[in-house]
Protein backbone atom coordinates (compact mmCIF):
# COMPACT_ATOMS: atom_id res chain seq x y z
CA MET A 1 -107.90 152.43 -82.07
CA GLY A 2 -109.37 149.56 -79.70
CA GLU A 3 -107.35 151.33 -76.81
CA SER A 4 -108.87 154.78 -77.35
CA LEU A 5 -112.30 153.64 -77.12
CA ALA A 6 -111.55 151.68 -74.24
CA ALA A 7 -110.02 154.58 -72.39
CA THR A 8 -113.14 156.97 -73.86
CA SER A 9 -115.46 154.62 -72.22
CA ASN A 10 -113.78 154.67 -69.06
CA LEU A 11 -114.26 158.47 -69.25
CA LEU A 12 -117.77 158.15 -70.02
CA VAL A 13 -118.51 156.05 -66.99
CA TYR A 14 -116.95 158.72 -64.47
CA SER A 15 -119.13 161.17 -66.16
CA ALA A 16 -121.94 159.44 -65.52
CA MET A 17 -120.92 158.80 -62.12
CA THR A 18 -120.94 162.69 -61.54
CA ALA A 19 -124.24 163.12 -63.12
CA TYR A 20 -125.78 160.09 -61.02
CA ALA A 21 -124.21 161.66 -57.60
CA VAL A 22 -126.09 165.08 -58.77
CA ALA A 23 -129.37 163.12 -59.42
CA LEU A 24 -129.14 161.25 -56.23
CA VAL A 25 -128.91 164.35 -54.14
CA ALA A 26 -131.73 165.95 -55.93
CA PHE A 27 -133.72 163.13 -54.74
CA ALA A 28 -132.88 163.03 -51.69
CA LEU A 29 -133.70 166.61 -51.40
CA ASP A 30 -137.09 165.71 -52.81
CA LEU A 31 -137.71 163.34 -50.15
CA SER A 32 -136.28 165.56 -47.08
CA GLY A 33 -139.43 168.19 -48.52
CA ARG A 34 -136.94 170.65 -49.35
CA GLY A 35 -137.46 170.80 -52.70
CA ARG A 36 -140.61 170.80 -52.79
CA THR A 37 -142.47 174.02 -52.97
CA LEU A 38 -146.57 174.87 -52.70
CA VAL A 39 -148.37 176.39 -55.64
CA ALA A 40 -151.60 177.73 -56.34
CA PRO A 41 -154.56 174.92 -57.35
CA ALA A 42 -155.21 174.83 -61.27
CA PRO A 43 -158.84 175.93 -61.80
CA GLY A 44 -161.20 173.52 -59.83
CA GLN A 45 -158.68 171.72 -57.96
CA GLY A 46 -159.91 172.82 -55.02
CA ALA A 47 -157.35 173.96 -51.64
CA LEU A 48 -153.65 173.38 -51.60
CA VAL A 49 -152.30 170.40 -50.55
CA GLY A 50 -149.48 169.45 -47.78
CA VAL A 51 -145.97 168.86 -48.86
CA GLY A 52 -146.64 165.36 -48.09
CA ALA A 53 -150.01 164.80 -48.37
CA GLY A 54 -151.63 162.25 -50.99
CA ALA A 55 -148.44 160.12 -51.05
CA GLY A 56 -147.68 159.05 -47.68
CA ALA A 57 -149.07 155.72 -45.44
CA GLY A 58 -151.92 157.82 -45.14
CA GLY A 59 -153.02 157.99 -48.54
CA ALA A 60 -155.50 155.81 -50.43
CA ALA A 61 -153.02 153.04 -51.07
CA GLY A 62 -154.05 152.14 -55.04
CA ALA A 63 -154.18 156.13 -55.93
CA ALA A 64 -152.42 156.30 -58.86
CA PRO A 65 -150.15 159.81 -58.66
CA ALA A 66 -150.51 162.53 -60.35
CA ARG A 67 -148.55 163.39 -63.52
CA ASP A 68 -148.36 167.09 -63.17
CA ASP A 69 -146.87 168.57 -60.08
CA ASP A 70 -148.95 171.78 -60.61
CA GLU A 71 -152.26 169.59 -60.05
CA THR A 72 -150.65 168.52 -56.54
CA GLY A 73 -150.59 172.32 -55.47
CA VAL A 74 -146.74 170.70 -54.66
CA ARG A 75 -144.36 171.75 -57.66
CA ARG A 76 -141.46 169.07 -56.73
CA ARG A 77 -138.22 170.94 -58.24
CA ALA A 78 -135.57 168.92 -56.68
CA ALA A 79 -137.47 165.92 -58.38
CA ALA A 80 -137.55 166.93 -61.40
CA VAL A 81 -133.81 167.72 -61.67
CA GLY A 82 -133.32 164.19 -60.14
CA VAL A 83 -135.38 162.51 -63.06
CA SER A 84 -133.57 164.77 -65.83
CA THR A 85 -129.99 164.08 -64.84
CA THR A 86 -130.64 160.83 -64.37
CA TRP A 87 -131.26 160.63 -68.51
CA LEU A 88 -128.55 162.49 -68.54
CA ALA A 89 -126.45 159.92 -66.51
CA LEU A 90 -128.05 157.00 -68.71
CA LEU A 91 -126.98 158.49 -72.26
CA LEU A 92 -123.21 158.68 -70.68
CA HIS A 93 -123.86 155.70 -69.53
CA THR A 94 -125.10 153.90 -72.31
CA ALA A 95 -122.33 156.14 -74.42
CA ALA A 96 -119.78 154.24 -72.02
CA VAL A 97 -121.30 150.61 -72.78
CA VAL A 98 -121.35 151.26 -76.40
CA THR A 99 -117.91 152.33 -76.22
CA ARG A 100 -116.51 149.48 -74.60
CA GLY A 101 -118.08 146.77 -76.69
CA VAL A 102 -116.83 148.72 -80.04
CA SER A 103 -113.61 148.72 -78.35
CA ALA A 104 -113.13 144.78 -77.64
CA GLY A 105 -115.34 144.27 -81.33
CA ARG A 106 -117.92 142.25 -79.39
CA ALA A 107 -120.76 142.64 -77.00
CA PRO A 108 -119.99 144.26 -73.51
CA TRP A 109 -120.08 141.45 -71.18
CA GLY A 110 -118.02 138.93 -71.57
CA ASN A 111 -116.77 139.86 -67.87
CA MET A 112 -117.89 140.83 -64.19
CA TYR A 113 -116.80 144.37 -65.15
CA GLU A 114 -118.39 144.48 -68.58
CA PHE A 115 -121.62 142.92 -66.95
CA THR A 116 -122.06 145.20 -64.05
CA LEU A 117 -121.58 148.23 -66.21
CA THR A 118 -123.66 146.96 -68.33
CA GLY A 119 -126.25 145.77 -65.97
CA ALA A 120 -126.27 149.15 -63.95
CA ALA A 121 -127.52 150.80 -67.16
CA VAL A 122 -130.07 148.59 -67.54
CA VAL A 123 -131.45 149.27 -64.05
CA THR A 124 -131.37 153.29 -64.75
CA ALA A 125 -133.12 152.31 -68.08
CA VAL A 126 -135.96 150.67 -66.87
CA TYR A 127 -136.43 153.00 -64.03
CA CYS A 128 -136.73 155.65 -66.77
CA ALA A 129 -138.76 154.08 -68.36
CA VAL A 130 -140.95 152.98 -65.98
CA LEU A 131 -141.10 156.92 -64.41
CA VAL A 132 -142.79 157.40 -68.18
CA ARG A 133 -146.19 155.28 -67.11
CA ARG A 134 -145.95 155.91 -63.11
CA ASP A 135 -144.79 158.42 -60.69
CA LEU A 136 -141.99 156.11 -59.13
CA ARG A 137 -139.88 159.41 -58.12
CA TYR A 138 -139.68 158.33 -54.45
CA LEU A 139 -137.71 155.40 -55.36
CA GLY A 140 -134.77 157.69 -56.82
CA VAL A 141 -132.80 157.67 -54.05
CA PHE A 142 -132.87 153.65 -53.86
CA VAL A 143 -132.44 152.83 -57.29
CA VAL A 144 -129.60 155.64 -58.52
CA GLY A 145 -127.65 155.01 -55.27
CA PRO A 146 -127.24 151.33 -56.04
CA VAL A 147 -126.17 151.97 -59.49
CA LEU A 148 -123.59 154.69 -58.10
CA LEU A 149 -122.27 151.83 -55.86
CA SER A 150 -122.05 149.46 -58.32
CA LEU A 151 -119.80 151.46 -60.66
CA GLY A 152 -117.92 152.61 -57.90
CA ILE A 153 -116.71 148.30 -56.95
CA ALA A 154 -116.70 148.04 -61.00
CA LEU A 155 -114.02 150.40 -61.51
CA SER A 156 -112.07 150.03 -58.71
CA VAL A 157 -112.31 146.00 -57.61
CA LEU A 158 -113.90 144.18 -60.95
CA TYR A 159 -112.36 146.27 -63.59
CA THR A 160 -110.63 144.13 -66.58
CA GLU A 161 -109.04 145.57 -69.83
CA SER A 162 -111.08 145.66 -72.99
CA ALA A 163 -109.65 142.20 -74.86
CA GLN A 164 -111.71 139.16 -76.75
CA LEU A 165 -113.57 136.86 -75.65
CA VAL A 166 -112.78 133.52 -74.54
CA PRO A 167 -114.13 130.78 -76.67
CA ALA A 168 -116.95 128.90 -74.81
CA LEU A 169 -118.55 132.91 -75.13
CA GLN A 170 -118.02 132.87 -78.55
CA SER A 171 -121.50 132.56 -79.43
CA TYR A 172 -124.90 134.25 -80.68
CA TRP A 173 -126.39 132.63 -77.12
CA LEU A 174 -124.38 135.77 -75.84
CA VAL A 175 -126.79 138.22 -76.53
CA ILE A 176 -129.55 136.42 -76.00
CA HIS A 177 -128.97 134.66 -72.41
CA VAL A 178 -127.03 137.81 -70.83
CA SER A 179 -129.37 140.52 -72.12
CA VAL A 180 -132.66 138.74 -71.06
CA ALA A 181 -130.85 138.01 -67.87
CA THR A 182 -129.60 141.71 -67.17
CA VAL A 183 -132.79 142.86 -67.66
CA SER A 184 -134.65 140.30 -65.00
CA SER A 185 -132.10 141.75 -62.78
CA ALA A 186 -132.52 145.15 -63.55
CA LEU A 187 -136.21 144.97 -62.33
CA PHE A 188 -135.41 142.91 -59.35
CA VAL A 189 -133.10 145.54 -58.15
CA ILE A 190 -135.95 148.13 -58.11
CA ALA A 191 -137.99 145.48 -56.77
CA PHE A 192 -136.02 144.81 -53.74
CA SER A 193 -135.84 149.18 -53.34
CA ALA A 194 -139.55 149.10 -53.03
CA ASN A 195 -139.84 145.91 -50.84
CA VAL A 196 -137.15 147.22 -48.65
CA LEU A 197 -139.18 150.56 -48.27
CA GLN A 198 -142.69 148.64 -47.78
CA LEU A 199 -141.03 146.49 -44.53
CA VAL A 200 -140.20 150.30 -42.91
CA GLN A 201 -143.53 151.71 -43.71
CA ASP A 202 -145.06 148.95 -42.71
CA ARG A 203 -143.22 149.16 -39.21
CA ARG A 204 -143.95 152.87 -38.97
CA GLU A 205 -148.33 152.26 -39.83
CA ARG A 206 -147.75 149.52 -36.97
CA LEU A 207 -146.01 152.20 -34.22
CA ALA A 208 -148.58 154.72 -35.83
CA ALA A 209 -151.83 152.14 -35.07
CA ALA A 210 -150.27 151.55 -31.34
CA GLY A 211 -150.16 155.83 -30.56
CA ARG A 212 -146.38 155.35 -31.16
CA PRO A 213 -146.18 157.63 -34.16
CA PRO A 214 -142.40 157.02 -35.07
CA GLN A 215 -139.79 160.30 -34.93
CA ARG A 216 -137.46 159.04 -37.15
CA GLY A 217 -137.31 158.97 -41.00
CA ARG A 218 -140.14 161.83 -41.44
CA PHE A 219 -139.49 161.35 -45.04
CA MET A 220 -141.31 158.19 -45.32
CA GLU A 221 -144.40 160.47 -44.44
CA ARG A 222 -143.88 161.24 -48.41
CA LEU A 223 -144.19 158.12 -49.83
CA PRO A 224 -146.66 155.54 -50.25
CA GLY A 225 -148.23 153.32 -47.97
CA SER A 226 -147.14 149.86 -47.45
CA VAL A 227 -149.85 148.25 -49.51
CA GLU A 228 -148.75 150.28 -52.54
CA LEU A 229 -145.06 149.50 -52.38
CA GLU A 230 -145.84 145.92 -51.94
CA ARG A 231 -147.89 145.94 -54.51
CA THR A 232 -145.09 147.72 -56.73
CA ALA A 233 -142.70 145.21 -55.87
CA TYR A 234 -145.47 142.30 -56.85
CA ARG A 235 -145.78 144.06 -60.16
CA LEU A 236 -142.13 144.51 -60.95
CA ILE A 237 -141.00 140.65 -59.56
CA ALA A 238 -144.17 138.89 -61.70
CA VAL A 239 -142.49 140.72 -65.25
CA SER A 240 -138.76 139.71 -64.15
CA PHE A 241 -140.09 136.07 -63.14
CA PRO A 242 -140.25 135.13 -66.93
CA LEU A 243 -137.57 136.83 -67.85
CA TRP A 244 -135.14 134.63 -65.47
CA SER A 245 -136.85 131.56 -66.68
CA PHE A 246 -135.94 131.93 -70.42
CA THR A 247 -132.90 132.92 -68.71
CA LEU A 248 -132.55 129.68 -67.23
CA VAL A 249 -133.57 127.67 -70.19
CA ALA A 250 -131.49 129.97 -72.56
CA GLY A 251 -128.52 128.96 -70.78
CA ALA A 252 -128.88 125.79 -70.60
CA ILE A 253 -129.40 125.39 -74.82
CA TRP A 254 -125.90 127.67 -74.49
CA ALA A 255 -124.29 124.98 -72.31
CA GLU A 256 -125.28 122.33 -74.61
CA ARG A 257 -123.65 124.27 -77.51
CA ALA A 258 -121.04 125.22 -75.70
CA TRP A 259 -119.87 122.15 -73.49
CA GLY A 260 -122.15 119.07 -75.08
CA ARG A 261 -124.38 119.02 -71.68
CA TYR A 262 -127.65 121.01 -70.74
CA TRP A 263 -126.97 120.59 -66.94
CA GLY A 264 -123.60 120.24 -65.19
CA TRP A 265 -124.50 121.35 -61.80
CA ASP A 266 -121.75 124.05 -62.18
CA PRO A 267 -122.15 126.71 -59.17
CA LYS A 268 -123.36 129.64 -61.29
CA GLU A 269 -125.89 126.85 -62.79
CA VAL A 270 -127.07 125.60 -59.42
CA TRP A 271 -127.43 129.54 -57.88
CA THR A 272 -129.29 130.84 -61.54
CA PHE A 273 -131.84 127.61 -60.56
CA VAL A 274 -131.51 128.50 -56.67
CA ILE A 275 -132.81 132.26 -57.91
CA TRP A 276 -135.56 131.05 -60.01
CA VAL A 277 -136.38 128.53 -57.03
CA VAL A 278 -136.91 131.51 -54.30
CA TYR A 279 -139.04 133.65 -56.43
CA ALA A 280 -141.16 131.01 -57.44
CA ALA A 281 -142.10 130.46 -54.18
CA TYR A 282 -143.07 134.12 -53.47
CA LEU A 283 -145.51 134.52 -56.55
CA HIS A 284 -146.58 130.99 -55.86
CA ALA A 285 -147.39 131.98 -52.16
CA ARG A 286 -148.74 135.58 -52.57
CA ALA A 287 -151.00 133.82 -55.59
CA THR A 288 -152.42 131.02 -53.72
CA ARG A 289 -151.84 131.46 -49.96
CA GLY A 290 -152.40 135.06 -49.57
CA TRP A 291 -148.42 135.86 -48.85
CA ASP A 292 -149.07 139.29 -49.12
CA GLY A 293 -147.39 142.11 -46.46
CA ARG A 294 -144.23 141.17 -44.47
CA ARG A 295 -144.20 138.03 -45.36
CA SER A 296 -143.89 137.91 -49.18
CA ALA A 297 -141.37 141.18 -48.67
CA TYR A 298 -138.84 138.95 -46.36
CA LEU A 299 -139.11 136.06 -49.23
CA ALA A 300 -138.73 138.35 -52.44
CA LEU A 301 -135.89 139.31 -50.05
CA ALA A 302 -134.45 136.08 -49.62
CA GLY A 303 -134.37 135.97 -53.67
CA PHE A 304 -132.72 138.91 -53.93
CA ALA A 305 -130.06 137.97 -51.59
CA CYS A 306 -129.62 134.77 -53.88
CA ILE A 307 -128.95 137.09 -56.85
CA LEU A 308 -126.07 139.06 -54.81
CA VAL A 309 -124.14 135.61 -53.81
CA ASN A 310 -124.80 134.59 -57.28
CA TRP A 311 -123.27 137.70 -58.79
CA GLY A 312 -120.41 138.68 -55.57
CA VAL A 313 -119.40 134.70 -54.62
CA VAL A 314 -120.14 132.31 -56.64
CA ASN A 315 -117.95 134.36 -59.42
CA VAL A 316 -115.05 134.99 -57.12
CA PHE A 317 -115.06 132.20 -54.54
CA PHE A 318 -116.35 129.33 -56.78
CA PRO A 319 -114.40 127.88 -59.46
CA GLY A 320 -116.48 126.31 -62.42
CA ASN A 321 -117.50 126.97 -65.94
CA HIS A 322 -118.71 130.26 -65.61
CA SER A 323 -115.56 131.83 -63.30
CA TYR A 324 -114.48 134.17 -66.21
CA ALA A 325 -118.32 136.24 -66.36
CA GLY A 326 -120.83 137.25 -64.12
CA ILE A 327 -123.33 136.52 -66.57
CA GLY A 328 -126.79 134.46 -65.03
């Protein structure tokens, strides 16, 4: 029964990857402008707007995007396909996580493969949840792409057969600690995408101000300006940081229950704390010293680089009490 469910989980992962690939192409078409068409404005809306108008660097940085494509005079068919397919991928992805957990009779995050599988699903879930309130479809390529890449790495490099947990992980703190860490990491991933786009957009805006408008990357004209991208990243990090703080505290409590000490300078513990310090410095610098713009983005990118080290380097090359897991 367990082996059959594990095989079903793998099949669902491949199905989700197919849906993610379709969504990635659709979001890419939307950014290129080929998935957008002009439509007649709604009564009282005035003239039609261009395909990229209102969203690019020249628009109001703090303006809230319209929720209805028809109201803007642009119907983003490809973006709609991308969102719908992303929701389908999320359903398949979630089913893969659930069947993996049922096959082992435990929470599905006891090793790096399972943590990556679950973490990627949470990234998509957070993105879809944010889409309900804010029009962040322009981030679709930069969210779905990393999720698809993560699943490919999980299946080809990190895959582990479904099995029982080692004794240290057999605790209710596994669910508490890892679930919060996963949600926090998902928010950091989306913020990272916004920060990268912010830096690219900022460079384009500075070139345009100097009378040298860039000739490449014309799709960036359809994205919000660098100020709005920076604010989006800041809001995501501001929500994620308290969750990461809880992850750090919960991990210490779990360590005391499992190993009889709250802190032991294990490589995983150290890097979890390093991540906390870098993002704390980011929030402090932005709030008290006015570090917005490029400087804050670079500091946020440094924090995400620490997350990548914590996930892909510490777990593999640094032996310690967390060597069997991918958790924070």
